[in-house]
Amino acid sequence: MPLDDLVSLAQQGLLLALVVSLPVLGVAAVIGLVSAIFQAATQVHDAALGHFPKFVAVTIALALLGPWMGRQLLAFALRAFGG
């Protein structure tokens, strides 16, 4: 395989990793921001209050987006290894 093809596949793989992980990271960031605003407004600073909603939201996001993520990864693997 020529070097140009390998570099192209590496670039596509990095872009795919970004695209696949971005929705879940976005959900975690939004829930973390909402949780931080809630904690600041109520002055309740409990560590579990900040982590539990993020855990639940990320779990739900992964359950909903998992099939799409898998299809994207499979399509890339088939392109990369299939020729």
N, C-alpha and C. Protein backbone atom coordinates (compact mmCIF):
# COMPACT_ATOMS: atom_id res chain seq x y z
N MET A 1 0.85 -1.17 0.00
CA MET A 1 0.00 0.00 0.00
C MET A 1 0.90 1.24 0.00
N PRO A 2 0.63 2.16 -0.88
CA PRO A 2 1.46 3.38 -0.95
C PRO A 2 1.33 4.23 0.30
N LEU A 3 2.34 5.02 0.53
CA LEU A 3 2.39 5.87 1.72
C LEU A 3 1.25 6.88 1.72
N ASP A 4 0.88 7.39 0.57
CA ASP A 4 -0.22 8.36 0.49
C ASP A 4 -1.54 7.76 0.97
N ASP A 5 -1.77 6.49 0.63
CA ASP A 5 -2.99 5.82 1.08
C ASP A 5 -2.99 5.63 2.59
N LEU A 6 -1.83 5.29 3.14
CA LEU A 6 -1.73 5.10 4.60
C LEU A 6 -1.97 6.41 5.34
N VAL A 7 -1.41 7.48 4.83
CA VAL A 7 -1.61 8.79 5.46
C VAL A 7 -3.07 9.19 5.37
N SER A 8 -3.70 8.93 4.23
CA SER A 8 -5.11 9.25 4.06
C SER A 8 -5.98 8.44 5.04
N LEU A 9 -5.68 7.15 5.18
CA LEU A 9 -6.43 6.32 6.12
C LEU A 9 -6.23 6.79 7.56
N ALA A 10 -5.03 7.20 7.90
CA ALA A 10 -4.77 7.70 9.26
C ALA A 10 -5.56 8.97 9.51
N GLN A 11 -5.60 9.86 8.52
CA GLN A 11 -6.37 11.09 8.67
C GLN A 11 -7.86 10.79 8.81
N GLN A 12 -8.35 9.88 7.99
CA GLN A 12 -9.76 9.51 8.08
C GLN A 12 -10.08 8.85 9.42
N GLY A 13 -9.16 8.04 9.93
CA GLY A 13 -9.36 7.40 11.23
C GLY A 13 -9.41 8.41 12.36
N LEU A 14 -8.53 9.39 12.33
CA LEU A 14 -8.55 10.42 13.37
C LEU A 14 -9.82 11.26 13.29
N LEU A 15 -10.23 11.60 12.08
CA LEU A 15 -11.47 12.37 11.91
C LEU A 15 -12.67 11.55 12.37
N LEU A 16 -12.68 10.27 12.06
CA LEU A 16 -13.77 9.39 12.50
C LEU A 16 -13.82 9.31 14.02
N ALA A 17 -12.67 9.20 14.67
CA ALA A 17 -12.64 9.16 16.13
C ALA A 17 -13.23 10.43 16.72
N LEU A 18 -12.93 11.55 16.11
CA LEU A 18 -13.48 12.83 16.57
C LEU A 18 -14.99 12.88 16.37
N VAL A 19 -15.45 12.50 15.19
CA VAL A 19 -16.87 12.57 14.87
C VAL A 19 -17.67 11.60 15.73
N VAL A 20 -17.14 10.42 15.99
CA VAL A 20 -17.87 9.42 16.76
C VAL A 20 -17.92 9.79 18.24
N SER A 21 -16.86 10.38 18.76
CA SER A 21 -16.84 10.68 20.19
C SER A 21 -17.47 12.03 20.54
N LEU A 22 -17.58 12.92 19.57
CA LEU A 22 -18.07 14.27 19.85
C LEU A 22 -19.48 14.32 20.43
N PRO A 23 -20.46 13.56 19.94
CA PRO A 23 -21.80 13.65 20.54
C PRO A 23 -21.83 13.26 22.01
N VAL A 24 -21.12 12.21 22.37
CA VAL A 24 -21.11 11.75 23.76
C VAL A 24 -20.38 12.77 24.64
N LEU A 25 -19.27 13.30 24.16
CA LEU A 25 -18.56 14.33 24.92
C LEU A 25 -19.40 15.60 25.05
N GLY A 26 -20.15 15.93 24.01
CA GLY A 26 -21.03 17.09 24.08
C GLY A 26 -22.12 16.92 25.13
N VAL A 27 -22.70 15.74 25.19
CA VAL A 27 -23.72 15.46 26.22
C VAL A 27 -23.10 15.59 27.60
N ALA A 28 -21.92 15.03 27.80
CA ALA A 28 -21.26 15.11 29.11
C ALA A 28 -20.95 16.56 29.47
N ALA A 29 -20.52 17.36 28.49
CA ALA A 29 -20.19 18.76 28.77
C ALA A 29 -21.44 19.56 29.13
N VAL A 30 -22.52 19.35 28.40
CA VAL A 30 -23.75 20.10 28.68
C VAL A 30 -24.32 19.72 30.04
N ILE A 31 -24.35 18.44 30.35
CA ILE A 31 -24.86 18.00 31.65
C ILE A 31 -23.95 18.50 32.77
N GLY A 32 -22.64 18.50 32.55
CA GLY A 32 -21.72 19.02 33.55
C GLY A 32 -21.94 20.51 33.79
N LEU A 33 -22.19 21.26 32.72
CA LEU A 33 -22.45 22.69 32.87
C LEU A 33 -23.75 22.94 33.61
N VAL A 34 -24.78 22.22 33.26
CA VAL A 34 -26.07 22.37 33.96
C VAL A 34 -25.92 21.99 35.43
N SER A 35 -25.20 20.92 35.69
CA SER A 35 -24.98 20.49 37.07
C SER A 35 -24.18 21.53 37.85
N ALA A 36 -23.17 22.11 37.22
CA ALA A 36 -22.37 23.13 37.90
C ALA A 36 -23.19 24.38 38.19
N ILE A 37 -24.04 24.78 37.24
CA ILE A 37 -24.90 25.94 37.47
C ILE A 37 -25.87 25.65 38.61
N PHE A 38 -26.43 24.45 38.64
CA PHE A 38 -27.34 24.08 39.72
C PHE A 38 -26.63 24.09 41.07
N GLN A 39 -25.42 23.54 41.11
CA GLN A 39 -24.68 23.53 42.36
C GLN A 39 -24.31 24.94 42.81
N ALA A 40 -23.98 25.81 41.89
CA ALA A 40 -23.64 27.18 42.25
C ALA A 40 -24.87 27.94 42.72
N ALA A 41 -26.01 27.68 42.09
CA ALA A 41 -27.23 28.39 42.47
C ALA A 41 -27.75 27.95 43.83
N THR A 42 -27.63 26.67 44.12
CA THR A 42 -28.16 26.15 45.39
C THR A 42 -27.11 26.07 46.47
N GLN A 43 -25.86 26.26 46.14
CA GLN A 43 -24.73 26.16 47.06
C GLN A 43 -24.65 24.78 47.72
N VAL A 44 -25.05 23.77 46.96
CA VAL A 44 -24.90 22.39 47.39
C VAL A 44 -23.71 21.82 46.62
N HIS A 45 -22.63 21.56 47.32
CA HIS A 45 -21.41 21.10 46.66
C HIS A 45 -21.11 19.66 47.06
N ASP A 46 -21.84 18.76 46.45
CA ASP A 46 -21.64 17.33 46.70
C ASP A 46 -21.03 16.72 45.44
N ALA A 47 -20.00 15.94 45.60
CA ALA A 47 -19.31 15.36 44.44
C ALA A 47 -20.22 14.42 43.66
N ALA A 48 -21.04 13.65 44.37
CA ALA A 48 -21.93 12.72 43.68
C ALA A 48 -22.97 13.45 42.85
N LEU A 49 -23.36 14.62 43.29
CA LEU A 49 -24.35 15.40 42.55
C LEU A 49 -23.80 15.84 41.20
N GLY A 50 -22.51 15.99 41.09
CA GLY A 50 -21.92 16.39 39.83
C GLY A 50 -21.64 15.22 38.90
N HIS A 51 -21.35 14.05 39.46
CA HIS A 51 -20.95 12.91 38.64
C HIS A 51 -22.12 12.01 38.23
N PHE A 52 -23.10 11.85 39.08
CA PHE A 52 -24.18 10.91 38.78
C PHE A 52 -25.00 11.32 37.56
N PRO A 53 -25.42 12.59 37.43
CA PRO A 53 -26.18 12.94 36.22
C PRO A 53 -25.37 12.76 34.94
N LYS A 54 -24.07 13.05 34.98
CA LYS A 54 -23.22 12.84 33.81
C LYS A 54 -23.13 11.36 33.47
N PHE A 55 -22.99 10.53 34.48
CA PHE A 55 -22.93 9.09 34.26
C PHE A 55 -24.20 8.59 33.58
N VAL A 56 -25.35 9.02 34.08
CA VAL A 56 -26.63 8.58 33.51
C VAL A 56 -26.79 9.10 32.09
N ALA A 57 -26.47 10.38 31.86
CA ALA A 57 -26.63 10.97 30.54
C ALA A 57 -25.70 10.33 29.51
N VAL A 58 -24.46 10.08 29.90
CA VAL A 58 -23.52 9.45 28.97
C VAL A 58 -23.94 8.01 28.69
N THR A 59 -24.44 7.31 29.68
CA THR A 59 -24.93 5.95 29.47
C THR A 59 -26.09 5.93 28.48
N ILE A 60 -27.02 6.85 28.64
CA ILE A 60 -28.16 6.94 27.73
C ILE A 60 -27.69 7.33 26.32
N ALA A 61 -26.77 8.28 26.24
CA ALA A 61 -26.25 8.70 24.94
C ALA A 61 -25.55 7.54 24.24
N LEU A 62 -24.76 6.77 24.98
CA LEU A 62 -24.09 5.62 24.37
C LEU A 62 -25.08 4.55 23.93
N ALA A 63 -26.15 4.36 24.71
CA ALA A 63 -27.15 3.37 24.34
C ALA A 63 -27.89 3.80 23.07
N LEU A 64 -28.16 5.10 22.95
CA LEU A 64 -28.88 5.59 21.77
C LEU A 64 -27.98 5.72 20.55
N LEU A 65 -26.75 6.15 20.75
CA LEU A 65 -25.84 6.40 19.63
C LEU A 65 -24.94 5.22 19.30
N GLY A 66 -24.96 4.20 20.13
CA GLY A 66 -24.08 3.05 19.93
C GLY A 66 -24.22 2.39 18.57
N PRO A 67 -25.44 2.12 18.10
CA PRO A 67 -25.55 1.50 16.77
C PRO A 67 -24.98 2.37 15.65
N TRP A 68 -25.21 3.67 15.72
CA TRP A 68 -24.66 4.58 14.72
C TRP A 68 -23.13 4.58 14.78
N MET A 69 -22.60 4.62 15.99
CA MET A 69 -21.14 4.60 16.16
C MET A 69 -20.55 3.31 15.59
N GLY A 70 -21.20 2.21 15.87
CA GLY A 70 -20.73 0.92 15.36
C GLY A 70 -20.76 0.85 13.85
N ARG A 71 -21.83 1.38 13.24
CA ARG A 71 -21.91 1.39 11.78
C ARG A 71 -20.80 2.24 11.16
N GLN A 72 -20.50 3.39 11.78
CA GLN A 72 -19.44 4.25 11.27
C GLN A 72 -18.08 3.54 11.35
N LEU A 73 -17.83 2.90 12.48
CA LEU A 73 -16.56 2.19 12.65
C LEU A 73 -16.45 0.99 11.70
N LEU A 74 -17.55 0.29 11.50
CA LEU A 74 -17.55 -0.85 10.59
C LEU A 74 -17.30 -0.40 9.15
N ALA A 75 -17.95 0.68 8.75
CA ALA A 75 -17.75 1.20 7.39
C ALA A 75 -16.29 1.60 7.18
N PHE A 76 -15.69 2.22 8.18
CA PHE A 76 -14.28 2.59 8.06
C PHE A 76 -13.38 1.37 7.99
N ALA A 77 -13.65 0.39 8.82
CA ALA A 77 -12.84 -0.84 8.82
C ALA A 77 -12.95 -1.55 7.48
N LEU A 78 -14.14 -1.60 6.92
CA LEU A 78 -14.30 -2.23 5.62
C LEU A 78 -13.56 -1.48 4.53
N ARG A 79 -13.58 -0.15 4.60
CA ARG A 79 -12.82 0.66 3.64
C ARG A 79 -11.32 0.44 3.82
N ALA A 80 -10.87 0.39 5.06
CA ALA A 80 -9.45 0.30 5.33
C ALA A 80 -8.89 -1.09 4.98
N PHE A 81 -9.60 -2.13 5.35
CA PHE A 81 -9.08 -3.48 5.16
C PHE A 81 -9.60 -4.16 3.90
N GLY A 82 -10.70 -3.64 3.37
CA GLY A 82 -11.29 -4.25 2.19
C GLY A 82 -10.63 -3.85 0.89
N GLY A 83 -9.91 -2.78 0.93
CA GLY A 83 -9.23 -2.39 -0.30
C GLY A 83 -9.74 -1.14 -0.77
